[in-house]
Protein backbone atom coordinates (compact mmCIF):
# COMPACT_ATOMS: atom_id res chain seq x y z
CA UNK A 1 0.00 0.00 0.00
CA UNK A 2 1.31 3.51 -0.76
CA UNK A 3 0.61 7.07 0.17
CA UNK A 4 0.25 9.95 -2.25
CA UNK A 5 3.71 11.35 -2.90
CA UNK A 6 3.13 14.59 -4.73
CA UNK A 7 5.48 13.32 -7.46
CA UNK A 8 4.44 12.72 -11.02
CA UNK A 9 3.01 9.38 -12.05
CA UNK A 10 5.77 7.01 -13.06
CA UNK A 11 8.44 8.93 -11.09
CA UNK A 12 11.14 6.93 -9.34
CA UNK A 13 10.66 6.12 -5.67
CA UNK A 14 11.82 8.99 -3.46
CA UNK A 15 15.29 8.72 -1.94
CA UNK A 16 16.86 10.13 1.18
CA UNK A 17 18.63 12.77 -0.96
CA UNK A 18 15.18 13.98 -2.10
CA UNK A 19 14.07 14.28 1.52
CA UNK A 20 17.26 16.16 2.39
CA UNK A 21 16.79 18.61 -0.50
CA UNK A 22 13.15 19.33 0.40
CA UNK A 23 13.90 19.70 4.12
CA UNK A 24 16.97 21.89 3.46
CA UNK A 25 19.35 19.64 5.41
CA UNK A 26 22.20 17.26 4.63
CA UNK A 27 21.68 13.62 3.72
CA UNK A 28 23.58 12.70 6.89
CA UNK A 29 21.03 14.61 8.96
CA UNK A 30 18.23 12.68 7.28
CA UNK A 31 19.99 9.46 8.23
CA UNK A 32 20.33 10.62 11.82
CA UNK A 33 16.64 11.43 12.04
CA UNK A 34 15.58 8.08 10.57
CA UNK A 35 17.94 6.19 12.89
CA UNK A 36 16.66 8.18 15.89
CA UNK A 37 20.13 9.44 16.75
CA UNK A 38 20.71 12.25 19.28
CA UNK A 39 21.92 15.77 18.58
CA UNK A 40 19.14 16.58 16.11
CA UNK A 41 16.98 19.56 17.05
CA UNK A 42 13.22 19.19 17.29
CA UNK A 43 12.76 21.71 14.45
CA UNK A 44 15.09 19.84 12.09
CA UNK A 45 13.54 16.50 12.99
CA UNK A 46 10.07 17.87 12.24
CA UNK A 47 11.19 19.29 8.86
CA UNK A 48 12.74 15.97 7.83
CA UNK A 49 9.68 13.95 8.84
CA UNK A 50 7.33 16.43 7.13
CA UNK A 51 9.40 16.20 3.95
CA UNK A 52 9.37 12.39 4.11
CA UNK A 53 5.59 12.42 4.54
CA UNK A 54 5.12 14.80 1.62
CA UNK A 55 7.30 12.67 -0.68
CA UNK A 56 5.91 9.34 0.48
CA UNK A 57 9.35 8.24 1.65
CA UNK A 58 9.08 5.52 4.29
CA UNK A 59 11.31 5.24 7.31
CA UNK A 60 12.00 1.63 6.39
CA UNK A 61 13.71 2.78 3.18
CA UNK A 62 16.59 3.88 5.39
CA UNK A 63 16.56 0.70 7.43
CA UNK A 64 16.68 -1.44 4.33
CA UNK A 65 19.81 0.38 3.26
CA UNK A 66 21.63 -1.12 6.21
CA UNK A 67 23.86 -4.13 5.59
CA UNK A 68 21.33 -6.60 7.00
CA UNK A 69 18.50 -5.19 4.96
CA UNK A 70 16.16 -5.79 7.95
CA UNK A 71 15.07 -4.04 11.12
CA UNK A 72 14.48 -7.31 13.02
CA UNK A 73 11.08 -6.09 14.09
CA UNK A 74 7.60 -7.52 13.65
CA UNK A 75 4.44 -5.43 13.72
CA UNK A 76 1.11 -6.54 15.17
CA UNK A 77 -2.30 -5.15 14.28
CA UNK A 78 -4.80 -6.01 17.00
CA UNK A 79 -8.16 -4.82 18.28
CA UNK A 80 -7.91 -2.54 21.31
CA UNK A 81 -9.99 -4.59 23.77
CA UNK A 82 -9.68 -6.15 27.21
CA UNK A 83 -11.67 -9.23 26.18
CA UNK A 84 -9.95 -12.42 27.26
CA UNK A 85 -9.45 -14.01 23.84
CA UNK A 86 -7.79 -11.15 21.89
CA UNK A 87 -5.79 -10.04 24.94
CA UNK A 88 -4.51 -13.57 25.63
CA UNK A 89 -3.55 -14.09 22.01
CA UNK A 90 -1.59 -10.82 21.99
CA UNK A 91 0.27 -11.92 25.12
CA UNK A 92 1.12 -15.20 23.41
CA UNK A 93 2.44 -13.35 20.35
CA UNK A 94 4.52 -11.04 22.56
CA UNK A 95 6.15 -14.00 24.33
CA UNK A 96 7.01 -15.77 21.08
CA UNK A 97 8.35 -12.65 19.33
CA UNK A 98 10.59 -11.89 22.28
CA UNK A 99 11.99 -15.42 22.16
CA UNK A 100 12.78 -15.10 18.44
CA UNK A 101 15.02 -12.07 19.04
CA UNK A 102 12.78 -9.69 17.08
CA UNK A 103 11.42 -6.41 18.42
CA UNK A 104 7.65 -6.06 18.62
CA UNK A 105 5.64 -3.05 17.47
CA UNK A 106 1.93 -3.09 18.29
CA UNK A 107 -0.79 -0.88 16.82
CA UNK A 108 -4.27 -1.16 18.31
CA UNK A 109 -7.35 -0.55 16.22
CA UNK A 110 -10.68 0.51 17.68
CA UNK A 111 -14.05 -0.84 16.62
CA UNK A 112 -15.66 1.65 14.26
CA UNK A 113 -12.38 3.45 13.47
CA UNK A 114 -12.59 4.47 9.77
CA UNK A 115 -8.81 4.00 9.36
CA UNK A 116 -9.02 0.50 10.83
CA UNK A 117 -6.58 -2.16 9.70
CA UNK A 118 -5.36 -0.13 6.73
CA UNK A 119 -4.25 2.76 8.91
CA UNK A 120 -2.62 0.44 11.43
CA UNK A 121 -0.60 -1.36 8.77
CA UNK A 122 0.44 1.93 7.20
CA UNK A 123 1.79 3.02 10.58
CA UNK A 124 3.75 -0.22 10.98
CA UNK A 125 5.23 0.01 7.49
CA UNK A 126 6.39 3.53 8.27
CA UNK A 127 8.27 2.06 11.23
CA UNK A 128 10.07 -0.36 8.93
CA UNK A 129 8.85 -3.74 10.20
CA UNK A 130 10.02 -6.94 8.47
CA UNK A 131 6.68 -8.70 8.80
CA UNK A 132 3.17 -8.07 10.11
CA UNK A 133 0.78 -10.11 12.26
CA UNK A 134 -2.90 -9.26 11.81
CA UNK A 135 -4.91 -10.36 14.83
CA UNK A 136 -8.08 -8.47 14.00
CA UNK A 137 -11.15 -10.45 15.13
CA UNK A 138 -13.86 -8.18 13.67
CA UNK A 139 -15.11 -8.01 10.11
CA UNK A 140 -15.01 -4.30 9.28
CA UNK A 141 -16.02 -4.74 5.64
CA UNK A 142 -18.94 -2.71 4.38
CA UNK A 143 -21.52 -4.10 1.97
CA UNK A 144 -19.81 -5.10 -1.22
CA UNK A 145 -16.45 -5.53 0.51
CA UNK A 146 -13.26 -3.61 -0.11
CA UNK A 147 -10.21 -4.37 -2.24
CA UNK A 148 -7.43 -6.30 -0.53
CA UNK A 149 -4.62 -4.14 0.78
CA UNK A 150 -1.20 -4.63 -0.80
CA UNK A 151 1.91 -5.04 1.33
CA UNK A 152 5.54 -5.73 0.50
CA UNK A 153 6.39 -7.76 3.63
CA UNK A 154 5.25 -11.24 4.75
CA UNK A 155 1.97 -11.27 6.67
CA UNK A 156 0.48 -13.68 9.22
CA UNK A 157 -3.30 -13.49 9.69
CA UNK A 158 -4.69 -15.10 12.85
CA UNK A 159 -8.25 -16.37 13.02
CA UNK A 160 -9.66 -14.47 10.05
CA UNK A 161 -9.70 -14.44 6.23
CA UNK A 162 -6.64 -12.62 4.82
CA UNK A 163 -7.53 -8.97 4.06
CA UNK A 164 -4.23 -8.32 2.24
CA UNK A 165 -2.07 -9.25 -0.72
CA UNK A 166 1.62 -9.70 0.02
CA UNK A 167 4.65 -11.71 -1.12
CA UNK A 168 3.72 -14.30 1.53
CA UNK A 169 0.37 -14.51 3.31
CA UNK A 170 0.14 -17.07 6.10
CA UNK A 171 -2.84 -17.99 8.26
CA UNK A 172 -3.11 -19.50 11.74
CA UNK A 173 -5.65 -19.89 14.51
CA UNK A 174 -8.26 -21.74 12.49
CA UNK A 175 -10.18 -24.56 14.16
CA UNK A 176 -12.72 -22.74 16.34
CA UNK A 177 -15.47 -24.51 14.37
CA UNK A 178 -13.97 -27.90 15.27
CA UNK A 179 -13.69 -26.88 18.92
CA UNK A 180 -17.35 -25.76 18.93
CA UNK A 181 -18.36 -28.99 17.26
CA UNK A 182 -16.54 -30.96 19.95
CA UNK A 183 -18.34 -29.02 22.70
CA UNK A 184 -21.72 -29.68 21.09
CA UNK A 185 -20.96 -33.37 20.53
CA UNK A 186 -20.07 -33.71 24.21
CA UNK A 187 -23.60 -32.64 25.12
CA UNK A 188 -25.19 -34.89 22.51
CA UNK A 189 -23.12 -37.84 23.72
CA UNK A 190 -24.49 -37.26 27.22
CA UNK A 191 -27.95 -37.94 25.78
CA UNK A 192 -29.40 -34.49 25.13
CA UNK A 193 -31.86 -34.42 22.24
CA UNK A 194 -30.48 -31.12 20.96
CA UNK A 195 -28.27 -28.23 22.06
CA UNK A 196 -29.18 -24.55 22.15
CA UNK A 197 -26.56 -21.92 21.28
CA UNK A 198 -25.78 -18.60 22.91
CA UNK A 199 -23.80 -16.90 20.14
CA UNK A 200 -21.39 -13.99 20.17
CA UNK A 201 -21.79 -10.92 17.93
CA UNK A 202 -21.62 -12.05 14.32
CA UNK A 203 -19.24 -9.28 13.22
CA UNK A 204 -16.61 -11.35 15.04
CA UNK A 205 -15.06 -14.14 12.99
CA UNK A 206 -14.75 -16.27 16.14
CA UNK A 207 -18.48 -16.01 16.81
CA UNK A 208 -19.27 -17.13 13.25
CA UNK A 209 -16.89 -20.08 13.47
CA UNK A 210 -18.37 -21.29 16.76
CA UNK A 211 -21.91 -21.00 15.43
CA UNK A 212 -20.95 -22.99 12.32
CA UNK A 213 -19.35 -25.73 14.42
CA UNK A 214 -22.46 -26.00 16.61
CA UNK A 215 -24.71 -26.24 13.55
CA UNK A 216 -22.47 -28.85 11.92
CA UNK A 217 -22.55 -31.10 15.00
CA UNK A 218 -26.35 -31.03 15.16
CA UNK A 219 -26.80 -31.51 11.43
CA UNK A 220 -24.39 -34.45 11.33
CA UNK A 221 -26.56 -36.29 13.86
CA UNK A 222 -29.84 -35.19 12.27
CA UNK A 223 -30.89 -33.20 15.33
CA UNK A 224 -33.12 -30.16 15.53
CA UNK A 225 -31.21 -26.88 15.15
CA UNK A 226 -32.86 -24.42 17.59
CA UNK A 227 -33.07 -20.68 17.02
CA UNK A 228 -29.87 -18.90 18.01
CA UNK A 229 -29.86 -16.60 21.04
CA UNK A 230 -27.41 -13.72 20.62
CA UNK A 231 -25.11 -12.09 23.16
CA UNK A 232 -22.28 -9.58 23.11
CA UNK A 233 -19.56 -11.63 24.92
CA UNK A 234 -20.46 -10.12 28.32
CA UNK A 235 -21.78 -11.97 31.37
CA UNK A 236 -24.69 -9.50 31.40
CA UNK A 237 -25.78 -10.59 27.92
CA UNK A 238 -25.49 -14.22 29.04
CA UNK A 239 -27.71 -13.45 32.00
CA UNK A 240 -30.35 -11.90 29.71
CA UNK A 241 -30.21 -14.92 27.42
CA UNK A 242 -30.49 -17.24 30.41
CA UNK A 243 -33.70 -15.59 31.55
CA UNK A 244 -35.12 -16.14 28.06
CA UNK A 245 -34.00 -19.76 27.82
CA UNK A 246 -35.19 -20.57 31.34
CA UNK A 247 -38.78 -20.00 30.20
CA UNK A 248 -38.51 -22.90 27.74
CA UNK A 249 -38.86 -26.16 29.65
CA UNK A 250 -37.54 -28.08 26.66
CA UNK A 251 -34.04 -26.58 26.98
CA UNK A 252 -31.68 -29.12 28.56
CA UNK A 253 -28.31 -28.15 27.05
CA UNK A 254 -26.67 -24.88 25.99
CA UNK A 255 -23.33 -24.21 24.30
CA UNK A 256 -22.22 -20.63 24.97
CA UNK A 257 -19.69 -18.99 22.64
CA UNK A 258 -17.54 -17.80 25.55
CA UNK A 259 -17.18 -18.42 29.28
CA UNK A 260 -18.35 -14.99 30.42
CA UNK A 261 -21.72 -15.47 28.73
CA UNK A 262 -21.92 -19.04 30.08
CA UNK A 263 -21.41 -17.76 33.65
CA UNK A 264 -24.14 -15.15 33.26
CA UNK A 265 -26.40 -17.80 31.73
CA UNK A 266 -25.91 -20.16 34.69
CA UNK A 267 -26.77 -17.36 37.13
CA UNK A 268 -30.06 -16.67 35.33
CA UNK A 269 -30.99 -20.35 35.09
CA UNK A 270 -30.31 -20.84 38.80
CA UNK A 271 -32.43 -17.83 39.76
CA UNK A 272 -35.26 -19.24 37.64
CA UNK A 273 -35.12 -22.57 39.50
CA UNK A 274 -33.41 -24.49 36.68
CA UNK A 275 -30.56 -26.48 38.22
CA UNK A 276 -27.20 -26.80 36.44
CA UNK A 277 -26.42 -29.50 35.44
CA UNK A 278 -29.39 -31.53 36.75
CA UNK A 279 -31.94 -29.69 34.57
CA UNK A 280 -29.72 -27.82 32.06
CA UNK A 281 -26.13 -28.57 31.06
CA UNK A 282 -23.90 -25.66 30.02
CA UNK A 283 -20.61 -25.61 28.06
CA UNK A 284 -18.51 -22.48 27.59
CA UNK A 285 -15.53 -21.55 25.42
CA UNK A 286 -12.06 -20.13 26.31
CA UNK A 287 -11.36 -21.63 29.77
CA UNK A 288 -10.87 -18.30 31.48
CA UNK A 289 -9.06 -18.56 34.85
CA UNK A 290 -12.26 -18.24 36.90
CA UNK A 291 -14.08 -21.02 34.98
CA UNK A 292 -12.80 -23.73 37.33
CA UNK A 293 -14.01 -21.85 40.42
CA UNK A 294 -17.60 -20.81 39.63
CA UNK A 295 -20.56 -22.84 40.87
CA UNK A 296 -20.74 -25.33 39.33
CA UNK A 297 -17.23 -25.44 37.80
CA UNK A 298 -17.67 -24.81 34.10
CA UNK A 299 -17.13 -27.37 31.34
CA UNK A 300 -15.43 -25.44 28.53
CA UNK A 301 -13.13 -25.55 25.51
CA UNK A 302 -9.62 -24.34 26.27
CA UNK A 303 -8.21 -22.06 23.56
CA UNK A 304 -4.59 -22.85 22.56
CA UNK A 305 -3.37 -19.25 22.41
CA UNK A 306 0.30 -20.06 22.99
CA UNK A 307 0.28 -22.95 20.49
CA UNK A 308 -1.29 -20.75 17.80
CA UNK A 309 1.22 -17.95 18.44
CA UNK A 310 4.18 -20.33 18.48
CA UNK A 311 3.23 -22.10 15.26
CA UNK A 312 2.23 -18.93 13.40
CA UNK A 313 5.28 -16.85 14.37
CA UNK A 314 7.65 -19.71 13.51
CA UNK A 315 6.24 -19.73 10.00
CA UNK A 316 6.32 -15.91 9.72
CA UNK A 317 9.95 -15.65 10.82
CA UNK A 318 10.87 -18.41 8.36
CA UNK A 319 9.22 -16.41 5.57
CA UNK A 320 11.06 -13.23 6.61
CA UNK A 321 14.47 -14.88 6.77
CA UNK A 322 14.01 -17.22 3.78
CA UNK A 323 12.01 -15.17 1.25
CA UNK A 324 12.70 -17.56 -1.61
CA UNK A 325 11.94 -20.77 0.30
CA UNK A 326 8.60 -22.58 0.39
CA UNK A 327 6.44 -21.68 3.42
CA UNK A 328 6.51 -24.09 6.34
CA UNK A 329 3.56 -26.49 6.47
CA UNK A 330 0.92 -25.39 8.99
CA UNK A 331 -0.45 -27.68 11.68
CA UNK A 332 -3.91 -27.56 13.21
CA UNK A 333 -4.33 -26.35 16.80
CA UNK A 334 -5.18 -28.94 19.49
CA UNK A 335 -8.79 -29.35 20.61
CA UNK A 336 -8.94 -29.37 24.39
CA UNK A 337 -12.36 -29.96 26.00
CA UNK A 338 -12.14 -29.55 29.78
CA UNK A 339 -15.03 -31.45 31.37
CA UNK A 340 -16.11 -30.14 34.76
CA UNK A 341 -19.36 -30.18 36.74
CA UNK A 342 -21.68 -28.04 34.57
CA UNK A 343 -22.60 -30.90 32.22
CA UNK A 344 -24.46 -34.14 32.89
CA UNK A 345 -27.04 -36.42 31.24
CA UNK A 346 -30.45 -34.78 30.84
CA UNK A 347 -33.43 -35.56 33.10
CA UNK A 348 -34.79 -39.06 32.30
CA UNK A 349 -37.83 -37.72 30.43
CA UNK A 350 -35.57 -35.68 28.13
CA UNK A 351 -33.02 -38.30 27.14
CA UNK A 352 -32.44 -39.24 23.53
CA UNK A 353 -33.53 -42.81 22.71
CA UNK A 354 -30.57 -45.19 22.93
CA UNK A 355 -30.59 -45.92 19.19
CA UNK A 356 -29.96 -42.22 18.50
CA UNK A 357 -26.95 -41.86 20.74
CA UNK A 358 -23.32 -42.05 19.70
CA UNK A 359 -20.93 -44.40 21.44
CA UNK A 360 -17.20 -44.95 21.40
CA UNK A 361 -14.11 -43.00 22.28
CA UNK A 362 -15.71 -40.09 24.13
CA UNK A 363 -17.43 -42.36 26.67
CA UNK A 364 -14.11 -44.07 27.34
CA UNK A 365 -12.38 -40.74 27.87
CA UNK A 366 -14.88 -39.82 30.60
CA UNK A 367 -13.07 -42.26 32.89
CA UNK A 368 -9.77 -40.35 32.57
CA UNK A 369 -8.23 -39.12 35.84
CA UNK A 370 -9.36 -35.63 36.95
CA UNK A 371 -7.20 -32.57 36.39
CA UNK A 372 -5.83 -30.51 39.23
CA UNK A 373 -8.45 -27.83 38.51
CA UNK A 374 -11.32 -30.26 39.03
CA UNK A 375 -12.02 -31.11 35.38
CA UNK A 376 -11.27 -33.63 32.69
CA UNK A 377 -9.27 -32.82 29.60
CA UNK A 378 -10.23 -34.24 26.23
CA UNK A 379 -7.65 -33.64 23.49
CA UNK A 380 -8.15 -34.28 19.76
């Protein structure tokens, strides 16, 4: 992606000598500014940066002139949010980048920001990063979509369709649909006739993936697919959904798209006199730290944030350091269902007839020894 340069169409890319001429300084001074060296006055620094902006000259042009040709830095575009999933993934990326010996530059986007991902990536390119990680969980596209952005560095996109074109575009963090399917199948295997779904906001790719996995599990076993109840990731929205679902005596199992909503849901069910898990079983998603300590301890799907970051960054660094080599082969993230006390077989009158139930490996895994946190772990 490029900025307007003020130069004629077809002109050569601006050079540091052009910046020096426009700013009225020496080429050495331009170099000092771009390398953030001392002994440059604020006025001179401002003139050089203004000239670079006017000409469309990027800071990384100077860095690439160094012998290594790289800045050994990786940029991350992420949504500015305190939600557990995005924040935990960013922490995982930070740990891995630090271990690789690269510097990390993070630009947060805000929901509804018109500049969005494009502006964030432009900022990172101006800082001269060698590669970019896009961990943007929200679909900001308007009706009709927008053209893919063009970058000249390798890109890793986590948990979303690639919104860019680049020499190398890698993806990681897929598999939320399989995790959601596993959570739903756990409830069906316990004997529930169907499973209701408390979904997250559908602008989020993660919410879409979890809804699709839930639907796929029910469809594969020819079960009724109930109407979706929507939340906004918060415990308050889960509580509101729980009050609605508690009025339907036919509800015996609910898969919530995150743990916060599941906890709010359980509170509402309990207040309405619906016992968990005796009357209604509940499964969450994420395995937030408090999930093992609520009442009852929550059965949930543990997200492999560190594994996704480790695998994705390994492939990105390989692409940065070996631009002519084939990309490393990706591997799917593990599926980790942590079974605790919020799920159980349905009341006898609500059980699925025996001929409609699945048997096999999952029943055998239920006899596995308990985890230290009071649950069972089921890996796929």
